[in-house]
């Protein structure tokens, strides 16, 4: 038996049990079990800090076939609590592959389980909602694991941003390939860049930073705890609010600072950034039944009627009714459940989307939003 065939169990808090085999680290961990409908991009998913606190199930049945490489990561390391697949490929075949996925998970102490019926698991989560779960290669007693899942901390009320944000500010330095991949031609010089953006790191994905740089921005990245005064001390042309994990209502320090920044500079928010803006304007957020995660979600742009195929990764959402009298108007709706996917202020240069226009692995339908941010900064100088 190979090292990837050690017995493992996934147990959910409602008593549902799945038996499989380990293909990652040896041990045990808990998290909210969710599913992602993307066919590719598992490395980007693993390294997206927004998945902190979650165990991710891939609905596509064959995972690992193209391996992993250093160029496609979205952050400094993987942040998922566990990874669930139907069938793992231990021998990747791709010219860009540098390492097998199982070895990458072991190296980063991430727990993976294969050989379970991911279709049945996904149907269960869609029917009954996302569940707390435990993956284990150590404790193979189902009853014991169910109790552990029941007693594990849920996402509601948890501030996970503080566990993924950086410790101190830094200036983003894109590589030549970063810029070329995103359409930038010529030499990049941050000090001569026409725009300066301060980006709050709540778990920011690297391709957001790459795209800001490719659009001619010098980017200063600050911790999620940075004060409004500190952000304004950089005299930026615009402020960016990033994606991130956990319950947005628990990130009270960022909500308070964003309130102070409203009206000072143009603001662009993505994912958690939209939720923070909604809360800063007096709105409310709620937890979705099983969330939106995948590279194929249809979103309607209300002004034009155009349908964008989008990349999504969120379990919380801004309540539509809660922002009716806030000055924010709804710009995008999710066509699967008609939930809030985008907002824009009626007077101020502030807008946000719930989905991910920057995705490198998925569709690029919404990349125009970065140019919109540039236009806002240009108009308000």
Protein backbone atom coordinates (compact mmCIF):
# COMPACT_ATOMS: atom_id res chain seq x y z
CA UNK A 1 0.00 0.00 0.00
CA UNK A 2 1.42 3.42 -1.02
CA UNK A 3 1.83 6.34 1.33
CA UNK A 4 -1.28 7.88 -0.24
CA UNK A 5 -3.55 4.99 0.75
CA UNK A 6 -3.73 5.37 4.51
CA UNK A 7 -7.36 5.05 5.72
CA UNK A 8 -9.06 8.34 6.59
CA UNK A 9 -12.54 9.43 7.66
CA UNK A 10 -14.58 12.55 7.07
CA UNK A 11 -17.30 13.01 9.70
CA UNK A 12 -19.97 15.75 9.65
CA UNK A 13 -21.67 17.25 12.68
CA UNK A 14 -25.05 15.78 11.62
CA UNK A 15 -23.70 12.22 11.76
CA UNK A 16 -22.89 11.72 8.07
CA UNK A 17 -19.74 9.60 7.64
CA UNK A 18 -17.47 9.17 4.60
CA UNK A 19 -14.63 6.63 4.46
CA UNK A 20 -11.66 7.22 2.20
CA UNK A 21 -7.88 7.39 2.03
CA UNK A 22 -5.39 10.08 2.96
CA UNK A 23 -3.29 11.78 0.30
CA UNK A 24 -2.01 14.69 2.37
CA UNK A 25 -0.65 15.21 5.86
CA UNK A 26 -1.19 12.62 8.57
CA UNK A 27 -3.34 13.89 11.42
CA UNK A 28 -6.70 15.46 12.18
CA UNK A 29 -8.39 18.81 11.64
CA UNK A 30 -11.82 20.43 11.65
CA UNK A 31 -13.56 23.09 9.59
CA UNK A 32 -16.74 24.02 7.79
CA UNK A 33 -17.18 21.57 4.89
CA UNK A 34 -18.01 23.37 1.63
CA UNK A 35 -17.87 22.52 -2.08
CA UNK A 36 -16.33 24.21 -5.12
CA UNK A 37 -17.65 23.55 -8.64
CA UNK A 38 -14.49 24.58 -10.55
CA UNK A 39 -13.04 22.04 -12.99
CA UNK A 40 -9.49 23.41 -12.65
CA UNK A 41 -7.66 25.82 -10.37
CA UNK A 42 -7.24 23.62 -7.30
CA UNK A 43 -3.88 25.22 -6.50
CA UNK A 44 -5.44 28.70 -6.53
CA UNK A 45 -8.22 27.39 -4.28
CA UNK A 46 -5.81 25.84 -1.80
CA UNK A 47 -3.82 29.07 -1.48
CA UNK A 48 -6.80 31.45 -1.27
CA UNK A 49 -6.80 32.75 2.33
CA UNK A 50 -10.60 33.14 2.14
CA UNK A 51 -10.80 29.37 2.76
CA UNK A 52 -9.30 29.67 6.23
CA UNK A 53 -11.59 27.74 8.58
CA UNK A 54 -12.98 25.54 5.80
CA UNK A 55 -12.55 22.05 4.38
CA UNK A 56 -13.03 22.22 0.60
CA UNK A 57 -14.70 19.54 -1.51
CA UNK A 58 -14.00 19.58 -5.26
CA UNK A 59 -17.01 18.48 -7.32
CA UNK A 60 -14.86 17.74 -10.38
CA UNK A 61 -13.91 14.07 -9.92
CA UNK A 62 -10.22 13.98 -10.97
CA UNK A 63 -7.82 16.27 -9.09
CA UNK A 64 -4.03 16.53 -9.17
CA UNK A 65 -3.50 15.64 -12.82
CA UNK A 66 -1.47 18.77 -13.64
CA UNK A 67 0.42 18.98 -10.34
CA UNK A 68 1.39 22.26 -8.66
CA UNK A 69 3.91 25.00 -9.39
CA UNK A 70 5.29 28.13 -7.75
CA UNK A 71 3.77 30.63 -10.20
CA UNK A 72 0.09 29.85 -9.63
CA UNK A 73 -0.14 30.36 -5.87
CA UNK A 74 -2.48 33.10 -4.61
CA UNK A 75 -0.79 33.73 -1.25
CA UNK A 76 2.22 32.82 0.85
CA UNK A 77 0.92 29.33 1.69
CA UNK A 78 -2.22 27.13 1.65
CA UNK A 79 -4.89 28.17 4.15
CA UNK A 80 -7.57 25.48 3.77
CA UNK A 81 -8.17 23.21 6.76
CA UNK A 82 -8.63 20.13 4.56
CA UNK A 83 -9.15 19.02 0.95
CA UNK A 84 -11.67 16.43 -0.31
CA UNK A 85 -11.59 14.79 -3.78
CA UNK A 86 -13.14 11.83 -5.52
CA UNK A 87 -9.95 10.61 -7.19
CA UNK A 88 -6.43 11.91 -6.67
CA UNK A 89 -3.77 11.63 -9.38
CA UNK A 90 -0.38 10.97 -7.72
CA UNK A 91 1.56 11.21 -11.01
CA UNK A 92 0.92 14.62 -12.63
CA UNK A 93 1.47 15.22 -16.35
CA UNK A 94 2.00 18.84 -17.32
CA UNK A 95 5.01 20.80 -18.54
CA UNK A 96 4.55 23.40 -15.79
CA UNK A 97 4.27 20.89 -12.96
CA UNK A 98 6.93 21.10 -10.26
CA UNK A 99 5.44 18.85 -7.60
CA UNK A 100 2.67 16.31 -7.02
CA UNK A 101 -0.36 17.71 -5.20
CA UNK A 102 -0.17 15.09 -2.42
CA UNK A 103 3.45 15.99 -1.69
CA UNK A 104 2.52 19.68 -1.65
CA UNK A 105 -0.24 19.03 0.90
CA UNK A 106 2.10 16.98 3.10
CA UNK A 107 4.78 19.66 2.90
CA UNK A 108 2.27 22.29 4.08
CA UNK A 109 0.56 20.08 6.69
CA UNK A 110 -2.80 20.08 4.89
CA UNK A 111 -5.11 17.08 5.32
CA UNK A 112 -6.50 15.53 2.15
CA UNK A 113 -8.95 12.66 1.67
CA UNK A 114 -9.77 10.84 -1.57
CA UNK A 115 -11.97 7.92 -2.56
CA UNK A 116 -15.24 9.24 -1.15
CA UNK A 117 -18.44 9.93 -3.09
CA UNK A 118 -18.05 13.69 -3.55
CA UNK A 119 -21.30 13.84 -5.52
CA UNK A 120 -23.23 12.43 -2.55
CA UNK A 121 -21.39 14.78 -0.19
CA UNK A 122 -22.16 17.81 -2.37
CA UNK A 123 -25.85 16.89 -2.63
CA UNK A 124 -25.95 16.51 1.16
CA UNK A 125 -24.41 19.98 1.67
CA UNK A 126 -26.78 21.56 -0.87
CA UNK A 127 -29.77 19.96 0.82
CA UNK A 128 -28.86 20.53 4.46
CA UNK A 129 -26.35 23.38 4.22
CA UNK A 130 -22.62 23.64 4.92
CA UNK A 131 -21.63 21.53 7.94
CA UNK A 132 -18.86 21.43 10.47
CA UNK A 133 -16.66 18.41 9.80
CA UNK A 134 -13.52 16.59 10.87
CA UNK A 135 -10.95 14.81 8.70
CA UNK A 136 -8.79 12.28 10.52
CA UNK A 137 -6.21 9.60 9.82
CA UNK A 138 -5.64 9.09 13.56
CA UNK A 139 -9.08 8.61 15.08
CA UNK A 140 -11.09 6.18 12.94
CA UNK A 141 -14.02 5.98 15.32
CA UNK A 142 -17.03 7.57 13.56
CA UNK A 143 -18.94 8.35 16.76
CA UNK A 144 -15.92 10.08 18.27
CA UNK A 145 -15.36 12.17 15.15
CA UNK A 146 -19.01 13.24 14.93
CA UNK A 147 -18.76 14.57 18.50
CA UNK A 148 -15.59 16.46 17.59
CA UNK A 149 -17.36 17.99 14.59
CA UNK A 150 -20.31 19.04 16.73
CA UNK A 151 -18.02 20.71 19.25
CA UNK A 152 -15.79 22.50 16.73
CA UNK A 153 -16.16 26.31 16.41
CA UNK A 154 -18.48 27.54 13.66
CA UNK A 155 -17.70 30.46 11.33
CA UNK A 156 -20.50 32.75 12.52
CA UNK A 157 -19.05 35.31 14.90
CA UNK A 158 -15.41 34.35 14.20
CA UNK A 159 -12.84 36.88 13.07
CA UNK A 160 -10.52 34.83 10.85
CA UNK A 161 -9.09 37.86 9.08
CA UNK A 162 -6.64 38.40 11.94
CA UNK A 163 -5.26 34.89 11.28
CA UNK A 164 -4.41 35.52 7.62
CA UNK A 165 -3.49 39.22 7.39
CA UNK A 166 0.09 40.45 7.27
CA UNK A 167 2.00 41.87 10.25
CA UNK A 168 3.36 45.05 8.65
CA UNK A 169 2.91 47.08 5.46
CA UNK A 170 4.88 46.35 2.30
CA UNK A 171 5.09 47.56 -1.28
CA UNK A 172 4.06 44.96 -3.84
CA UNK A 173 6.74 44.16 -6.40
CA UNK A 174 5.36 42.27 -9.40
CA UNK A 175 7.55 40.04 -11.51
CA UNK A 176 7.83 40.52 -15.25
CA UNK A 177 5.75 37.39 -15.86
CA UNK A 178 3.09 38.67 -13.41
CA UNK A 179 2.66 41.76 -15.55
CA UNK A 180 2.90 40.09 -18.95
CA UNK A 181 0.33 37.47 -17.94
CA UNK A 182 -2.08 40.30 -17.18
CA UNK A 183 -1.46 42.26 -20.36
CA UNK A 184 1.08 44.86 -19.21
CA UNK A 185 3.66 45.90 -21.78
CA UNK A 186 6.89 47.78 -21.10
CA UNK A 187 8.90 48.45 -17.96
CA UNK A 188 7.18 48.73 -14.59
CA UNK A 189 8.46 51.35 -12.16
CA UNK A 190 6.34 51.68 -9.02
CA UNK A 191 7.76 55.11 -8.19
CA UNK A 192 6.70 56.43 -11.60
CA UNK A 193 3.31 54.70 -11.60
CA UNK A 194 0.46 57.14 -12.31
CA UNK A 195 -1.65 55.87 -9.40
CA UNK A 196 -0.96 54.83 -5.81
CA UNK A 197 -3.35 52.34 -4.21
CA UNK A 198 -3.37 51.29 -0.57
CA UNK A 199 -4.78 47.77 -0.30
CA UNK A 200 -6.11 46.31 2.92
CA UNK A 201 -4.91 42.72 3.27
CA UNK A 202 -7.76 40.71 4.77
CA UNK A 203 -6.43 37.63 2.98
CA UNK A 204 -5.73 39.27 -0.36
CA UNK A 205 -5.16 37.14 -3.45
CA UNK A 206 -1.95 37.85 -5.33
CA UNK A 207 -3.67 38.22 -8.68
CA UNK A 208 -5.55 41.24 -7.35
CA UNK A 209 -2.18 42.87 -6.66
CA UNK A 210 -0.84 41.75 -10.04
CA UNK A 211 -3.81 43.30 -11.84
CA UNK A 212 -3.59 46.57 -9.94
CA UNK A 213 0.09 46.77 -10.90
CA UNK A 214 -0.71 45.83 -14.52
CA UNK A 215 -3.17 48.74 -14.61
CA UNK A 216 -0.41 51.19 -13.70
CA UNK A 217 -0.63 51.27 -9.92
CA UNK A 218 1.96 51.41 -7.21
CA UNK A 219 0.45 49.19 -4.50
CA UNK A 220 1.09 49.52 -0.78
CA UNK A 221 -0.38 46.61 1.16
CA UNK A 222 -1.36 47.20 4.78
CA UNK A 223 -2.65 44.90 7.54
CA UNK A 224 -6.41 44.63 8.05
CA UNK A 225 -5.87 46.37 11.40
CA UNK A 226 -4.34 49.51 9.86
CA UNK A 227 -6.13 52.66 10.98
CA UNK A 228 -7.85 55.07 8.61
CA UNK A 229 -5.28 57.68 9.61
CA UNK A 230 -2.41 55.38 8.66
CA UNK A 231 -3.98 54.61 5.29
CA UNK A 232 -4.51 58.30 4.50
CA UNK A 233 -0.95 59.11 5.57
CA UNK A 234 0.24 57.38 2.37
CA UNK A 235 -1.78 59.97 0.40
CA UNK A 236 -3.15 57.28 -1.93
CA UNK A 237 -5.21 57.89 -5.05
CA UNK A 238 -7.47 54.98 -4.11
CA UNK A 239 -8.18 52.39 -1.43
CA UNK A 240 -8.79 48.70 -2.04
CA UNK A 241 -10.65 46.33 0.32
CA UNK A 242 -9.72 42.70 -0.24
CA UNK A 243 -11.29 39.30 0.03
CA UNK A 244 -10.90 37.33 3.25
CA UNK A 245 -12.31 34.57 5.48
CA UNK A 246 -14.86 34.29 8.25
CA UNK A 247 -17.82 36.36 9.40
CA UNK A 248 -17.59 39.99 8.18
CA UNK A 249 -19.58 41.28 11.14
CA UNK A 250 -16.79 40.06 13.44
CA UNK A 251 -14.19 42.29 11.75
CA UNK A 252 -15.35 45.35 13.68
CA UNK A 253 -12.02 47.23 13.57
CA UNK A 254 -12.01 47.26 9.75
CA UNK A 255 -15.67 48.29 9.55
CA UNK A 256 -14.94 51.23 11.87
CA UNK A 257 -11.92 52.35 9.83
CA UNK A 258 -13.76 52.07 6.52
CA UNK A 259 -16.49 54.34 7.92
CA UNK A 260 -13.79 56.98 8.44
CA UNK A 261 -12.48 56.51 4.88
CA UNK A 262 -15.83 56.95 3.14
CA UNK A 263 -15.75 60.13 1.09
CA UNK A 264 -11.99 60.58 1.46
CA UNK A 265 -10.77 58.55 -1.54
CA UNK A 266 -12.18 56.25 -4.25
CA UNK A 267 -12.77 52.75 -2.83
CA UNK A 268 -13.00 49.38 -4.60
CA UNK A 269 -13.97 46.22 -2.70
CA UNK A 270 -13.98 42.56 -3.67
CA UNK A 271 -15.79 39.73 -1.80
CA UNK A 272 -15.24 40.42 1.93
CA UNK A 273 -14.50 43.96 0.77
CA UNK A 274 -18.10 44.26 -0.43
CA UNK A 275 -19.43 42.91 2.87
CA UNK A 276 -17.29 45.36 4.86
CA UNK A 277 -18.53 48.27 2.75
CA UNK A 278 -22.14 47.13 3.18
CA UNK A 279 -21.69 47.04 6.95
CA UNK A 280 -19.86 50.39 6.98
CA UNK A 281 -22.88 51.96 5.27
CA UNK A 282 -25.24 50.54 7.89
CA UNK A 283 -26.27 47.37 6.09
CA UNK A 284 -26.42 43.80 7.36
CA UNK A 285 -24.87 40.51 6.25
CA UNK A 286 -26.18 36.97 6.52
CA UNK A 287 -24.79 33.48 6.06
CA UNK A 288 -25.73 31.64 2.87
CA UNK A 289 -27.04 28.07 3.17
CA UNK A 290 -24.10 26.48 1.37
CA UNK A 291 -22.32 29.45 -0.18
CA UNK A 292 -21.18 30.28 -3.68
CA UNK A 293 -17.89 28.66 -4.73
CA UNK A 294 -16.78 27.88 -8.25
CA UNK A 295 -15.65 29.29 -11.59
CA UNK A 296 -19.01 29.19 -13.37
CA UNK A 297 -21.60 31.33 -11.57
CA UNK A 298 -23.85 33.59 -13.70
CA UNK A 299 -24.17 37.19 -12.55
CA UNK A 300 -26.38 39.82 -14.18
CA UNK A 301 -25.11 43.36 -14.60
CA UNK A 302 -28.29 45.34 -14.01
CA UNK A 303 -27.37 48.48 -15.96
CA UNK A 304 -26.66 46.66 -19.25
CA UNK A 305 -28.43 43.32 -18.78
CA UNK A 306 -25.16 41.58 -19.61
CA UNK A 307 -24.53 38.19 -18.00
CA UNK A 308 -21.04 37.61 -16.61
CA UNK A 309 -19.69 34.14 -15.87
CA UNK A 310 -17.85 34.63 -12.62
CA UNK A 311 -15.54 33.05 -10.08
CA UNK A 312 -17.03 32.96 -6.59
CA UNK A 313 -15.94 32.08 -3.08
CA UNK A 314 -18.10 33.35 -0.26
CA UNK A 315 -20.37 32.05 2.46
CA UNK A 316 -21.74 35.42 3.61
CA UNK A 317 -23.66 38.07 1.70
CA UNK A 318 -24.92 41.65 2.07
CA UNK A 319 -28.69 41.74 2.58
CA UNK A 320 -30.34 43.55 -0.31
CA UNK A 321 -33.02 45.27 1.77
CA UNK A 322 -30.56 46.44 4.43
CA UNK A 323 -28.79 48.88 2.08
CA UNK A 324 -31.88 50.40 0.39
CA UNK A 325 -31.54 53.79 2.09
CA UNK A 326 -27.76 53.81 2.50
CA UNK A 327 -26.78 55.59 -0.70
CA UNK A 328 -25.67 52.30 -2.23
CA UNK A 329 -27.45 50.91 -5.27
CA UNK A 330 -27.39 47.27 -6.38
CA UNK A 331 -25.44 46.79 -9.63
CA UNK A 332 -25.20 42.98 -9.92
CA UNK A 333 -27.38 40.00 -8.99
CA UNK A 334 -26.57 36.30 -8.77
CA UNK A 335 -28.88 34.47 -11.19
CA UNK A 336 -28.79 31.25 -9.17
CA UNK A 337 -30.44 32.73 -6.08
CA UNK A 338 -30.90 36.47 -6.87
CA UNK A 339 -28.51 37.48 -4.07
CA UNK A 340 -26.42 40.65 -3.96
CA UNK A 341 -23.32 40.48 -6.20
CA UNK A 342 -22.39 44.14 -6.57
CA UNK A 343 -23.02 47.65 -5.27
CA UNK A 344 -22.09 51.22 -6.14
CA UNK A 345 -22.60 54.48 -4.30
CA UNK A 346 -24.97 56.89 -6.01
CA UNK A 347 -22.70 59.91 -5.47
CA UNK A 348 -19.29 58.85 -4.17
CA UNK A 349 -16.60 56.98 -6.22
CA UNK A 350 -17.17 53.77 -4.27
CA UNK A 351 -18.12 50.38 -5.72
CA UNK A 352 -17.71 46.71 -4.93
CA UNK A 353 -18.52 43.20 -6.14
CA UNK A 354 -19.10 39.97 -4.26
CA UNK A 355 -17.41 37.77 -6.87
CA UNK A 356 -13.76 37.60 -8.04
CA UNK A 357 -13.01 39.58 -11.23
CA UNK A 358 -9.28 38.98 -10.80
CA UNK A 359 -9.31 35.19 -11.04
CA UNK A 360 -6.37 33.78 -12.99
CA UNK A 361 -7.81 30.26 -13.34
CA UNK A 362 -11.38 31.19 -14.25
CA UNK A 363 -13.25 33.49 -16.67
CA UNK A 364 -12.13 37.08 -17.19
CA UNK A 365 -15.57 38.56 -17.94
CA UNK A 366 -15.39 41.12 -15.13
CA UNK A 367 -11.86 42.47 -15.40
CA UNK A 368 -13.29 45.76 -16.64
CA UNK A 369 -13.87 46.60 -12.98
CA UNK A 370 -10.17 47.31 -12.49
CA UNK A 371 -10.31 49.91 -15.25
CA UNK A 372 -13.38 51.38 -13.58
CA UNK A 373 -11.32 51.83 -10.40
CA UNK A 374 -8.59 53.54 -12.45
CA UNK A 375 -11.18 55.85 -14.01
CA UNK A 376 -12.53 56.79 -10.57
CA UNK A 377 -9.06 57.64 -9.31
CA UNK A 378 -8.36 59.71 -12.43
CA UNK A 379 -11.58 61.72 -12.02
CA UNK A 380 -11.04 62.54 -8.34
CA UNK A 381 -7.46 63.73 -8.42
